[in-house]
Amino acid sequence: MQVAAAGRIGVSPVLLAATNSEAGVLGKLISPQNLAMAASVVGMAGGKGTLFRRTFPWSVACLVGFTALVYLMASGPLSWMVP
């Protein structure tokens, strides 16, 4: 599906697959299961809200930076990085 989508929008299938993979990793930063597990591991029972409030700004910052990087790789001066 990613290869077909890449062909339709005119970007590299490799870049689109890598972008999808990285977006999944970014989503795991704030996923409820991971927050619950992290809270229990460090002894913060019921501290999922605290962890979410602390990780959400970082996930947004990473998303903004990642989006800029992908845009530059897809159409700009960093296109040489995509095989």
PDB file of N, CA and C in Angstrom:
ATOM      1  N   MET A   1       0.817  -1.168   0.000  1.00  0.00           N
ATOM      2  CA  MET A   1       0.000   0.000   0.000  1.00  0.00           C
ATOM      3  C   MET A   1       0.880   1.257   0.000  1.00  0.00           C
ATOM      4  N   GLN A   2       1.975   1.209   0.750  1.00  0.00           N
ATOM      5  CA  GLN A   2       2.861   2.364   0.793  1.00  0.00           C
ATOM      6  C   GLN A   2       3.530   2.610  -0.548  1.00  0.00           C
ATOM      7  N   VAL A   3       3.884   1.547  -1.243  1.00  0.00           N
ATOM      8  CA  VAL A   3       4.513   1.703  -2.556  1.00  0.00           C
ATOM      9  C   VAL A   3       3.530   2.338  -3.537  1.00  0.00           C
ATOM     10  N   ALA A   4       2.278   1.893  -3.501  1.00  0.00           N
ATOM     11  CA  ALA A   4       1.268   2.475  -4.381  1.00  0.00           C
ATOM     12  C   ALA A   4       1.017   3.943  -4.039  1.00  0.00           C
ATOM     13  N   ALA A   5       0.948   4.239  -2.756  1.00  0.00           N
ATOM     14  CA  ALA A   5       0.732   5.633  -2.338  1.00  0.00           C
ATOM     15  C   ALA A   5       1.918   6.502  -2.737  1.00  0.00           C
ATOM     16  N   ALA A   6       3.120   5.979  -2.574  1.00  0.00           N
ATOM     17  CA  ALA A   6       4.316   6.744  -2.954  1.00  0.00           C
ATOM     18  C   ALA A   6       4.314   7.042  -4.439  1.00  0.00           C
ATOM     19  N   GLY A   7       3.916   6.063  -5.254  1.00  0.00           N
ATOM     20  CA  GLY A   7       3.851   6.281  -6.693  1.00  0.00           C
ATOM     21  C   GLY A   7       2.838   7.342  -7.072  1.00  0.00           C
ATOM     22  N   ARG A   8       1.729   7.374  -6.371  1.00  0.00           N
ATOM     23  CA  ARG A   8       0.678   8.353  -6.695  1.00  0.00           C
ATOM     24  C   ARG A   8       1.055   9.765  -6.297  1.00  0.00           C
ATOM     25  N   ILE A   9       1.799   9.928  -5.203  1.00  0.00           N
ATOM     26  CA  ILE A   9       2.149  11.284  -4.767  1.00  0.00           C
ATOM     27  C   ILE A   9       3.537  11.708  -5.227  1.00  0.00           C
ATOM     28  N   GLY A  10       4.258  10.790  -5.847  1.00  0.00           N
ATOM     29  CA  GLY A  10       5.540  11.141  -6.439  1.00  0.00           C
ATOM     30  C   GLY A  10       6.712  11.216  -5.478  1.00  0.00           C
ATOM     31  N   VAL A  11       6.713  10.382  -4.447  1.00  0.00           N
ATOM     32  CA  VAL A  11       7.863  10.331  -3.542  1.00  0.00           C
ATOM     33  C   VAL A  11       8.447   8.928  -3.550  1.00  0.00           C
ATOM     34  N   SER A  12       9.597   8.799  -2.969  1.00  0.00           N
ATOM     35  CA  SER A  12      10.292   7.519  -2.918  1.00  0.00           C
ATOM     36  C   SER A  12       9.543   6.530  -2.027  1.00  0.00           C
ATOM     37  N   PRO A  13       9.341   5.307  -2.493  1.00  0.00           N
ATOM     38  CA  PRO A  13       8.717   4.294  -1.640  1.00  0.00           C
ATOM     39  C   PRO A  13       9.547   3.996  -0.393  1.00  0.00           C
ATOM     40  N   VAL A  14      10.864   4.077  -0.523  1.00  0.00           N
ATOM     41  CA  VAL A  14      11.746   3.852   0.625  1.00  0.00           C
ATOM     42  C   VAL A  14      11.505   4.926   1.680  1.00  0.00           C
ATOM     43  N   LEU A  15      11.411   6.172   1.240  1.00  0.00           N
ATOM     44  CA  LEU A  15      11.170   7.267   2.174  1.00  0.00           C
ATOM     45  C   LEU A  15       9.806   7.128   2.836  1.00  0.00           C
ATOM     46  N   LEU A  16       8.816   6.749   2.095  1.00  0.00           N
ATOM     47  CA  LEU A  16       7.476   6.606   2.664  1.00  0.00           C
ATOM     48  C   LEU A  16       7.418   5.466   3.675  1.00  0.00           C
ATOM     49  N   ALA A  17       8.064   4.355   3.390  1.00  0.00           N
ATOM     50  CA  ALA A  17       8.091   3.236   4.333  1.00  0.00           C
ATOM     51  C   ALA A  17       8.851   3.612   5.605  1.00  0.00           C
ATOM     52  N   ALA A  18       9.965   4.302   5.448  1.00  0.00           N
ATOM     53  CA  ALA A  18      10.733   4.737   6.619  1.00  0.00           C
ATOM     54  C   ALA A  18       9.947   5.742   7.447  1.00  0.00           C
ATOM     55  N   THR A  19       9.220   6.625   6.782  1.00  0.00           N
ATOM     56  CA  THR A  19       8.400   7.608   7.480  1.00  0.00           C
ATOM     57  C   THR A  19       7.300   6.919   8.277  1.00  0.00           C
ATOM     58  N   ASN A  20       6.663   5.928   7.693  1.00  0.00           N
ATOM     59  CA  ASN A  20       5.617   5.187   8.391  1.00  0.00           C
ATOM     60  C   ASN A  20       6.174   4.480   9.619  1.00  0.00           C
ATOM     61  N   SER A  21       7.332   3.892   9.494  1.00  0.00           N
ATOM     62  CA  SER A  21       7.950   3.194  10.612  1.00  0.00           C
ATOM     63  C   SER A  21       8.288   4.162  11.739  1.00  0.00           C
ATOM     64  N   GLU A  22       8.863   5.285  11.400  1.00  0.00           N
ATOM     65  CA  GLU A  22       9.232   6.275  12.408  1.00  0.00           C
ATOM     66  C   GLU A  22       8.004   6.871  13.078  1.00  0.00           C
ATOM     67  N   ALA A  23       6.938   7.077  12.338  1.00  0.00           N
ATOM     68  CA  ALA A  23       5.709   7.616  12.922  1.00  0.00           C
ATOM     69  C   ALA A  23       5.137   6.640  13.948  1.00  0.00           C
ATOM     70  N   GLY A  24       5.269   5.364  13.696  1.00  0.00           N
ATOM     71  CA  GLY A  24       4.827   4.371  14.671  1.00  0.00           C
ATOM     72  C   GLY A  24       5.622   4.454  15.960  1.00  0.00           C
ATOM     73  N   VAL A  25       6.909   4.688  15.838  1.00  0.00           N
ATOM     74  CA  VAL A  25       7.761   4.838  17.020  1.00  0.00           C
ATOM     75  C   VAL A  25       7.367   6.095  17.797  1.00  0.00           C
ATOM     76  N   LEU A  26       7.095   7.176  17.097  1.00  0.00           N
ATOM     77  CA  LEU A  26       6.667   8.402  17.770  1.00  0.00           C
ATOM     78  C   LEU A  26       5.345   8.206  18.507  1.00  0.00           C
ATOM     79  N   GLY A  27       4.451   7.443  17.923  1.00  0.00           N
ATOM     80  CA  GLY A  27       3.178   7.173  18.563  1.00  0.00           C
ATOM     81  C   GLY A  27       3.315   6.349  19.832  1.00  0.00           C
ATOM     82  N   LYS A  28       4.336   5.505  19.872  1.00  0.00           N
ATOM     83  CA  LYS A  28       4.545   4.681  21.062  1.00  0.00           C
ATOM     84  C   LYS A  28       4.965   5.522  22.265  1.00  0.00           C
ATOM     85  N   LEU A  29       5.498   6.714  22.032  1.00  0.00           N
ATOM     86  CA  LEU A  29       5.879   7.584  23.153  1.00  0.00           C
ATOM     87  C   LEU A  29       4.697   7.890  24.062  1.00  0.00           C
ATOM     88  N   ILE A  30       3.531   8.034  23.480  1.00  0.00           N
ATOM     89  CA  ILE A  30       2.373   8.447  24.267  1.00  0.00           C
ATOM     90  C   ILE A  30       1.262   7.398  24.265  1.00  0.00           C
ATOM     91  N   SER A  31       1.589   6.170  23.895  1.00  0.00           N
ATOM     92  CA  SER A  31       0.552   5.137  23.896  1.00  0.00           C
ATOM     93  C   SER A  31       0.207   4.757  25.334  1.00  0.00           C
ATOM     94  N   PRO A  32      -1.072   4.551  25.618  1.00  0.00           N
ATOM     95  CA  PRO A  32      -1.495   4.235  26.985  1.00  0.00           C
ATOM     96  C   PRO A  32      -0.832   2.988  27.575  1.00  0.00           C
ATOM     97  N   GLN A  33      -0.637   1.936  26.755  1.00  0.00           N
ATOM     98  CA  GLN A  33       0.008   0.733  27.289  1.00  0.00           C
ATOM     99  C   GLN A  33       1.430   1.013  27.737  1.00  0.00           C
ATOM    100  N   ASN A  34       2.171   1.747  26.932  1.00  0.00           N
ATOM    101  CA  ASN A  34       3.557   2.036  27.292  1.00  0.00           C
ATOM    102  C   ASN A  34       3.644   2.944  28.512  1.00  0.00           C
ATOM    103  N   LEU A  35       2.736   3.907  28.607  1.00  0.00           N
ATOM    104  CA  LEU A  35       2.730   4.781  29.780  1.00  0.00           C
ATOM    105  C   LEU A  35       2.390   4.001  31.042  1.00  0.00           C
ATOM    106  N   ALA A  36       1.428   3.093  30.961  1.00  0.00           N
ATOM    107  CA  ALA A  36       1.058   2.278  32.120  1.00  0.00           C
ATOM    108  C   ALA A  36       2.210   1.376  32.535  1.00  0.00           C
ATOM    109  N   MET A  37       2.872   0.771  31.562  1.00  0.00           N
ATOM    110  CA  MET A  37       3.990  -0.102  31.875  1.00  0.00           C
ATOM    111  C   MET A  37       5.151   0.691  32.492  1.00  0.00           C
ATOM    112  N   ALA A  38       5.456   1.848  31.913  1.00  0.00           N
ATOM    113  CA  ALA A  38       6.541   2.667  32.452  1.00  0.00           C
ATOM    114  C   ALA A  38       6.230   3.132  33.872  1.00  0.00           C
ATOM    115  N   ALA A  39       4.991   3.518  34.115  1.00  0.00           N
ATOM    116  CA  ALA A  39       4.607   3.961  35.452  1.00  0.00           C
ATOM    117  C   ALA A  39       4.752   2.835  36.464  1.00  0.00           C
ATOM    118  N   SER A  40       4.369   1.628  36.084  1.00  0.00           N
ATOM    119  CA  SER A  40       4.481   0.520  37.027  1.00  0.00           C
ATOM    120  C   SER A  40       5.930   0.107  37.257  1.00  0.00           C
ATOM    121  N   VAL A  41       6.751   0.188  36.235  1.00  0.00           N
ATOM    122  CA  VAL A  41       8.160  -0.209  36.367  1.00  0.00           C
ATOM    123  C   VAL A  41       8.909   0.708  37.323  1.00  0.00           C
ATOM    124  N   VAL A  42       8.628   2.005  37.264  1.00  0.00           N
ATOM    125  CA  VAL A  42       9.365   2.950  38.114  1.00  0.00           C
ATOM    126  C   VAL A  42       8.644   3.247  39.425  1.00  0.00           C
ATOM    127  N   GLY A  43       7.564   2.509  39.714  1.00  0.00           N
ATOM    128  CA  GLY A  43       6.877   2.671  40.983  1.00  0.00           C
ATOM    129  C   GLY A  43       5.976   3.888  41.068  1.00  0.00           C
ATOM    130  N   MET A  44       5.457   4.325  39.947  1.00  0.00           N
ATOM    131  CA  MET A  44       4.542   5.478  39.929  1.00  0.00           C
ATOM    132  C   MET A  44       3.122   4.993  39.669  1.00  0.00           C
ATOM    133  N   ALA A  45       2.610   4.137  40.533  1.00  0.00           N
ATOM    134  CA  ALA A  45       1.260   3.613  40.344  1.00  0.00           C
ATOM    135  C   ALA A  45       0.279   4.774  40.245  1.00  0.00           C
ATOM    136  N   GLY A  46      -0.519   4.780  39.179  1.00  0.00           N
ATOM    137  CA  GLY A  46      -1.466   5.865  38.956  1.00  0.00           C
ATOM    138  C   GLY A  46      -0.824   7.118  38.390  1.00  0.00           C
ATOM    139  N   GLY A  47       0.426   7.034  37.954  1.00  0.00           N
ATOM    140  CA  GLY A  47       1.137   8.204  37.448  1.00  0.00           C
ATOM    141  C   GLY A  47       1.151   8.323  35.940  1.00  0.00           C
ATOM    142  N   LYS A  48       0.210   7.652  35.277  1.00  0.00           N
ATOM    143  CA  LYS A  48       0.188   7.712  33.811  1.00  0.00           C
ATOM    144  C   LYS A  48      -0.046   9.133  33.317  1.00  0.00           C
ATOM    145  N   GLY A  49      -0.899   9.876  34.009  1.00  0.00           N
ATOM    146  CA  GLY A  49      -1.180  11.257  33.609  1.00  0.00           C
ATOM    147  C   GLY A  49       0.054  12.133  33.692  1.00  0.00           C
ATOM    148  N   THR A  50       0.835  11.938  34.736  1.00  0.00           N
ATOM    149  CA  THR A  50       2.071  12.706  34.894  1.00  0.00           C
ATOM    150  C   THR A  50       3.047  12.378  33.767  1.00  0.00           C
ATOM    151  N   LEU A  51       3.189  11.094  33.477  1.00  0.00           N
ATOM    152  CA  LEU A  51       4.092  10.698  32.393  1.00  0.00           C
ATOM    153  C   LEU A  51       3.611  11.243  31.054  1.00  0.00           C
ATOM    154  N   PHE A  52       2.301  11.208  30.823  1.00  0.00           N
ATOM    155  CA  PHE A  52       1.759  11.734  29.573  1.00  0.00           C
ATOM    156  C   PHE A  52       2.047  13.230  29.446  1.00  0.00           C
ATOM    157  N   ARG A  53       1.805  13.974  30.509  1.00  0.00           N
ATOM    158  CA  ARG A  53       2.060  15.431  30.464  1.00  0.00           C
ATOM    159  C   ARG A  53       3.532  15.743  30.222  1.00  0.00           C
ATOM    160  N   ARG A  54       4.410  14.883  30.694  1.00  0.00           N
ATOM    161  CA  ARG A  54       5.847  15.127  30.493  1.00  0.00           C
ATOM    162  C   ARG A  54       6.352  14.663  29.132  1.00  0.00           C
ATOM    163  N   THR A  55       5.740  13.642  28.583  1.00  0.00           N
ATOM    164  CA  THR A  55       6.222  13.133  27.294  1.00  0.00           C
ATOM    165  C   THR A  55       5.526  13.770  26.094  1.00  0.00           C
ATOM    166  N   PHE A  56       4.302  14.282  26.281  1.00  0.00           N
ATOM    167  CA  PHE A  56       3.567  14.833  25.151  1.00  0.00           C
ATOM    168  C   PHE A  56       4.301  15.992  24.467  1.00  0.00           C
ATOM    169  N   PRO A  57       4.819  16.993  25.203  1.00  0.00           N
ATOM    170  CA  PRO A  57       5.541  18.075  24.509  1.00  0.00           C
ATOM    171  C   PRO A  57       6.760  17.564  23.734  1.00  0.00           C
ATOM    172  N   TRP A  58       7.443  16.560  24.273  1.00  0.00           N
ATOM    173  CA  TRP A  58       8.596  15.997  23.571  1.00  0.00           C
ATOM    174  C   TRP A  58       8.162  15.273  22.304  1.00  0.00           C
ATOM    175  N   SER A  59       7.044  14.579  22.369  1.00  0.00           N
ATOM    176  CA  SER A  59       6.577  13.880  21.167  1.00  0.00           C
ATOM    177  C   SER A  59       6.141  14.870  20.091  1.00  0.00           C
ATOM    178  N   VAL A  60       5.541  15.975  20.478  1.00  0.00           N
ATOM    179  CA  VAL A  60       5.164  17.005  19.503  1.00  0.00           C
ATOM    180  C   VAL A  60       6.409  17.637  18.896  1.00  0.00           C
ATOM    181  N   ALA A  61       7.409  17.922  19.726  1.00  0.00           N
ATOM    182  CA  ALA A  61       8.659  18.504  19.214  1.00  0.00           C
ATOM    183  C   ALA A  61       9.353  17.545  18.245  1.00  0.00           C
ATOM    184  N   CYS A  62       9.381  16.263  18.601  1.00  0.00           N
ATOM    185  CA  CYS A  62       9.978  15.268  17.696  1.00  0.00           C
ATOM    186  C   CYS A  62       9.183  15.167  16.399  1.00  0.00           C
ATOM    187  N   LEU A  63       7.870  15.240  16.492  1.00  0.00           N
ATOM    188  CA  LEU A  63       7.026  15.177  15.299  1.00  0.00           C
ATOM    189  C   LEU A  63       7.278  16.359  14.376  1.00  0.00           C
ATOM    190  N   VAL A  64       7.405  17.554  14.930  1.00  0.00           N
ATOM    191  CA  VAL A  64       7.672  18.744  14.115  1.00  0.00           C
ATOM    192  C   VAL A  64       9.029  18.622  13.422  1.00  0.00           C
ATOM    193  N   GLY A  65      10.045  18.228  14.177  1.00  0.00           N
ATOM    194  CA  GLY A  65      11.374  18.057  13.585  1.00  0.00           C
ATOM    195  C   GLY A  65      11.400  16.961  12.540  1.00  0.00           C
ATOM    196  N   PHE A  66      10.730  15.861  12.829  1.00  0.00           N
ATOM    197  CA  PHE A  66      10.679  14.747  11.893  1.00  0.00           C
ATOM    198  C   PHE A  66       9.944  15.127  10.620  1.00  0.00           C
ATOM    199  N   THR A  67       8.845  15.862  10.765  1.00  0.00           N
ATOM    200  CA  THR A  67       8.086  16.311   9.600  1.00  0.00           C
ATOM    201  C   THR A  67       8.932  17.214   8.710  1.00  0.00           C
ATOM    202  N   ALA A  68       9.659  18.119   9.320  1.00  0.00           N
ATOM    203  CA  ALA A  68      10.537  19.011   8.546  1.00  0.00           C
ATOM    204  C   ALA A  68      11.613  18.211   7.823  1.00  0.00           C
ATOM    205  N   LEU A  69      12.198  17.250   8.504  1.00  0.00           N
ATOM    206  CA  LEU A  69      13.242  16.434   7.891  1.00  0.00           C
ATOM    207  C   LEU A  69      12.703  15.630   6.708  1.00  0.00           C
ATOM    208  N   VAL A  70      11.538  15.032   6.872  1.00  0.00           N
ATOM    209  CA  VAL A  70      10.953  14.249   5.779  1.00  0.00           C
ATOM    210  C   VAL A  70      10.605  15.154   4.601  1.00  0.00           C
ATOM    211  N   TYR A  71      10.072  16.334   4.891  1.00  0.00           N
ATOM    212  CA  TYR A  71       9.750  17.274   3.810  1.00  0.00           C
ATOM    213  C   TYR A  71      11.010  17.648   3.032  1.00  0.00           C
ATOM    214  N   LEU A  72      12.084  17.941   3.740  1.00  0.00           N
ATOM    215  CA  LEU A  72      13.337  18.309   3.067  1.00  0.00           C
ATOM    216  C   LEU A  72      13.919  17.135   2.281  1.00  0.00           C
ATOM    217  N   MET A  73      13.716  15.932   2.786  1.00  0.00           N
ATOM    218  CA  MET A  73      14.209  14.753   2.075  1.00  0.00           C
ATOM    219  C   MET A  73      13.355  14.439   0.855  1.00  0.00           C
ATOM    220  N   ALA A  74      12.075  14.753   0.912  1.00  0.00           N
ATOM    221  CA  ALA A  74      11.179  14.420  -0.189  1.00  0.00           C
ATOM    222  C   ALA A  74      11.268  15.422  -1.323  1.00  0.00           C
ATOM    223  N   SER A  75      11.484  16.695  -1.013  1.00  0.00           N
ATOM    224  CA  SER A  75      11.397  17.683  -2.083  1.00  0.00           C
ATOM    225  C   SER A  75      12.469  18.759  -2.049  1.00  0.00           C
ATOM    226  N   GLY A  76      13.368  18.673  -1.129  1.00  0.00           N
ATOM    227  CA  GLY A  76      14.300  19.775  -0.968  1.00  0.00           C
ATOM    228  C   GLY A  76      15.756  19.401  -1.041  1.00  0.00           C
ATOM    229  N   PRO A  77      16.556  20.143  -0.322  1.00  0.00           N
ATOM    230  CA  PRO A  77      18.002  19.997  -0.399  1.00  0.00           C
ATOM    231  C   PRO A  77      18.539  18.681   0.188  1.00  0.00           C
ATOM    232  N   LEU A  78      17.717  17.953   0.913  1.00  0.00           N
ATOM    233  CA  LEU A  78      18.187  16.687   1.470  1.00  0.00           C
ATOM    234  C   LEU A  78      17.733  15.475   0.660  1.00  0.00           C
ATOM    235  N   SER A  79      17.270  15.712  -0.541  1.00  0.00           N
ATOM    236  CA  SER A  79      16.790  14.594  -1.365  1.00  0.00           C
ATOM    237  C   SER A  79      17.902  13.627  -1.735  1.00  0.00           C
ATOM    238  N   TRP A  80      19.145  14.064  -1.625  1.00  0.00           N
ATOM    239  CA  TRP A  80      20.265  13.185  -1.932  1.00  0.00           C
ATOM    240  C   TRP A  80      20.382  12.039  -0.903  1.00  0.00           C
ATOM    241  N   MET A  81      19.732  12.190   0.246  1.00  0.00           N
ATOM    242  CA  MET A  81      19.808  11.171   1.287  1.00  0.00           C
ATOM    243  C   MET A  81      18.907   9.959   1.016  1.00  0.00           C
ATOM    244  N   VAL A  82      17.966  10.106   0.101  1.00  0.00           N
ATOM    245  CA  VAL A  82      17.006   9.034  -0.188  1.00  0.00           C
ATOM    246  C   VAL A  82      17.497   8.225  -1.360  1.00  0.00           C
ATOM    247  N   PRO A  83      17.624   6.892  -1.180  1.00  0.00           N
ATOM    248  CA  PRO A  83      18.101   6.060  -2.298  1.00  0.00           C
ATOM    249  C   PRO A  83      17.072   5.936  -3.405  1.00  0.00           C
TER     250      PRO A  83
END
